[in-house]
Amino acid sequence: MRNRIILVGLVVLFGFWLGARANRPVVKGSKAETARRALADRRARKRRKALKRRFGLG
């Protein structure tokens, strides 16, 4: 009886673990592509421009 309870608990934990991992997105882009996208982002460009003005770098 105790073995059956342990087995059921393990199955439940395994199912919970699989369910928790199932909804994670898989990113298929390369790091270079991600960097290009981040640099081309309009808000990021504005932020960098504001920082340059703020610290007198440009």
N, C-alpha and C. Protein backbone atom coordinates (compact mmCIF):
# COMPACT_ATOMS: atom_id res chain seq x y z
N MET A 1 0.82 -1.20 0.00
CA MET A 1 0.00 0.00 0.00
C MET A 1 0.87 1.26 0.00
N ARG A 2 1.91 1.24 0.84
CA ARG A 2 2.79 2.40 0.92
C ARG A 2 3.51 2.62 -0.41
N ASN A 3 3.92 1.52 -1.04
CA ASN A 3 4.61 1.63 -2.33
C ASN A 3 3.69 2.24 -3.39
N ARG A 4 2.42 1.87 -3.34
CA ARG A 4 1.47 2.39 -4.31
C ARG A 4 1.29 3.90 -4.12
N ILE A 5 1.24 4.36 -2.87
CA ILE A 5 1.10 5.79 -2.58
C ILE A 5 2.32 6.54 -3.08
N ILE A 6 3.50 5.99 -2.85
CA ILE A 6 4.73 6.62 -3.32
C ILE A 6 4.74 6.68 -4.85
N LEU A 7 4.33 5.61 -5.50
CA LEU A 7 4.29 5.57 -6.96
C LEU A 7 3.31 6.61 -7.51
N VAL A 8 2.14 6.71 -6.91
CA VAL A 8 1.15 7.70 -7.35
C VAL A 8 1.70 9.11 -7.15
N GLY A 9 2.36 9.34 -6.03
CA GLY A 9 2.96 10.65 -5.78
C GLY A 9 4.01 11.00 -6.81
N LEU A 10 4.84 10.03 -7.18
CA LEU A 10 5.87 10.28 -8.20
C LEU A 10 5.24 10.59 -9.56
N VAL A 11 4.20 9.86 -9.90
CA VAL A 11 3.51 10.11 -11.17
C VAL A 11 2.90 11.51 -11.18
N VAL A 12 2.31 11.91 -10.06
CA VAL A 12 1.72 13.24 -9.97
C VAL A 12 2.80 14.31 -10.09
N LEU A 13 3.91 14.13 -9.39
CA LEU A 13 5.01 15.11 -9.49
C LEU A 13 5.56 15.19 -10.90
N PHE A 14 5.72 14.05 -11.55
CA PHE A 14 6.22 14.04 -12.92
C PHE A 14 5.24 14.75 -13.86
N GLY A 15 3.96 14.50 -13.69
CA GLY A 15 2.95 15.18 -14.51
C GLY A 15 2.95 16.67 -14.27
N PHE A 16 3.08 17.08 -13.03
CA PHE A 16 3.15 18.50 -12.72
C PHE A 16 4.37 19.14 -13.36
N TRP A 17 5.51 18.44 -13.30
CA TRP A 17 6.75 18.95 -13.89
C TRP A 17 6.60 19.10 -15.40
N LEU A 18 6.00 18.11 -16.05
CA LEU A 18 5.79 18.19 -17.50
C LEU A 18 4.85 19.34 -17.85
N GLY A 19 3.80 19.51 -17.09
CA GLY A 19 2.85 20.58 -17.34
C GLY A 19 3.47 21.95 -17.15
N ALA A 20 4.36 22.06 -16.17
CA ALA A 20 5.01 23.35 -15.92
C ALA A 20 5.97 23.71 -17.05
N ARG A 21 6.56 22.71 -17.69
CA ARG A 21 7.50 22.97 -18.77
C ARG A 21 6.81 23.13 -20.12
N ALA A 22 5.57 22.70 -20.24
CA ALA A 22 4.90 22.66 -21.54
C ALA A 22 4.62 24.04 -22.10
N ASN A 23 4.39 25.03 -21.26
CA ASN A 23 3.99 26.34 -21.77
C ASN A 23 5.17 27.29 -21.96
N ARG A 24 6.38 26.81 -21.84
CA ARG A 24 7.53 27.69 -22.04
C ARG A 24 7.79 27.87 -23.53
N PRO A 25 7.96 29.11 -23.98
CA PRO A 25 8.21 29.33 -25.40
C PRO A 25 9.62 28.89 -25.80
N VAL A 26 9.75 28.43 -27.01
CA VAL A 26 11.05 28.04 -27.54
C VAL A 26 11.48 29.10 -28.53
N VAL A 27 12.57 29.78 -28.23
CA VAL A 27 13.06 30.85 -29.09
C VAL A 27 14.02 30.25 -30.10
N LYS A 28 13.71 30.44 -31.38
CA LYS A 28 14.51 29.83 -32.44
C LYS A 28 15.51 30.81 -33.06
N GLY A 29 15.58 32.04 -32.58
CA GLY A 29 16.47 33.03 -33.17
C GLY A 29 17.88 32.94 -32.61
N SER A 30 18.84 33.37 -33.41
CA SER A 30 20.23 33.35 -32.95
C SER A 30 20.49 34.56 -32.05
N LYS A 31 21.62 34.55 -31.37
CA LYS A 31 21.96 35.67 -30.49
C LYS A 31 22.22 36.93 -31.29
N ALA A 32 22.82 36.78 -32.47
CA ALA A 32 23.07 37.95 -33.32
C ALA A 32 21.76 38.57 -33.78
N GLU A 33 20.80 37.74 -34.12
CA GLU A 33 19.50 38.25 -34.55
C GLU A 33 18.80 38.97 -33.40
N THR A 34 18.90 38.43 -32.20
CA THR A 34 18.31 39.06 -31.03
C THR A 34 18.96 40.41 -30.76
N ALA A 35 20.29 40.48 -30.90
CA ALA A 35 21.01 41.73 -30.68
C ALA A 35 20.60 42.77 -31.71
N ARG A 36 20.49 42.36 -32.98
CA ARG A 36 20.06 43.30 -34.03
C ARG A 36 18.67 43.84 -33.74
N ARG A 37 17.77 42.96 -33.31
CA ARG A 37 16.41 43.38 -33.01
C ARG A 37 16.40 44.36 -31.84
N ALA A 38 17.23 44.12 -30.84
CA ALA A 38 17.29 45.00 -29.67
C ALA A 38 17.86 46.36 -30.05
N LEU A 39 18.86 46.38 -30.92
CA LEU A 39 19.46 47.65 -31.33
C LEU A 39 18.53 48.44 -32.24
N ALA A 40 17.71 47.77 -33.02
CA ALA A 40 16.82 48.45 -33.96
C ALA A 40 15.51 48.88 -33.30
N ASP A 41 15.28 48.50 -32.06
CA ASP A 41 14.04 48.83 -31.38
C ASP A 41 13.93 50.34 -31.21
N ARG A 42 12.77 50.89 -31.57
CA ARG A 42 12.59 52.34 -31.54
C ARG A 42 12.74 52.91 -30.13
N ARG A 43 12.12 52.26 -29.16
CA ARG A 43 12.21 52.76 -27.78
C ARG A 43 13.63 52.69 -27.25
N ALA A 44 14.35 51.61 -27.61
CA ALA A 44 15.73 51.47 -27.15
C ALA A 44 16.60 52.56 -27.76
N ARG A 45 16.37 52.87 -29.05
CA ARG A 45 17.15 53.95 -29.69
C ARG A 45 16.90 55.27 -28.99
N LYS A 46 15.63 55.55 -28.68
CA LYS A 46 15.30 56.80 -27.98
C LYS A 46 15.99 56.85 -26.62
N ARG A 47 15.98 55.72 -25.93
CA ARG A 47 16.59 55.66 -24.61
C ARG A 47 18.09 55.93 -24.69
N ARG A 48 18.75 55.31 -25.68
CA ARG A 48 20.20 55.53 -25.84
C ARG A 48 20.49 56.97 -26.20
N LYS A 49 19.66 57.56 -27.06
CA LYS A 49 19.85 58.96 -27.46
C LYS A 49 19.70 59.88 -26.25
N ALA A 50 18.70 59.61 -25.41
CA ALA A 50 18.49 60.42 -24.22
C ALA A 50 19.66 60.28 -23.25
N LEU A 51 20.19 59.08 -23.11
CA LEU A 51 21.34 58.88 -22.22
C LEU A 51 22.57 59.62 -22.74
N LYS A 52 22.76 59.59 -24.06
CA LYS A 52 23.89 60.32 -24.64
C LYS A 52 23.77 61.81 -24.34
N ARG A 53 22.56 62.35 -24.54
CA ARG A 53 22.36 63.78 -24.25
C ARG A 53 22.58 64.07 -22.77
N ARG A 54 22.07 63.20 -21.93
CA ARG A 54 22.13 63.42 -20.49
C ARG A 54 23.57 63.44 -19.98
N PHE A 55 24.40 62.57 -20.52
CA PHE A 55 25.77 62.48 -20.04
C PHE A 55 26.76 63.19 -20.96
N GLY A 56 26.27 63.91 -21.96
CA GLY A 56 27.13 64.69 -22.83
C GLY A 56 28.06 63.86 -23.68
N LEU A 57 27.59 62.75 -24.18
CA LEU A 57 28.45 61.88 -24.98
C LEU A 57 28.23 62.06 -26.48
N GLY A 58 27.32 62.92 -26.86
CA GLY A 58 27.08 62.98 -28.29
C GLY A 58 26.38 64.16 -28.77
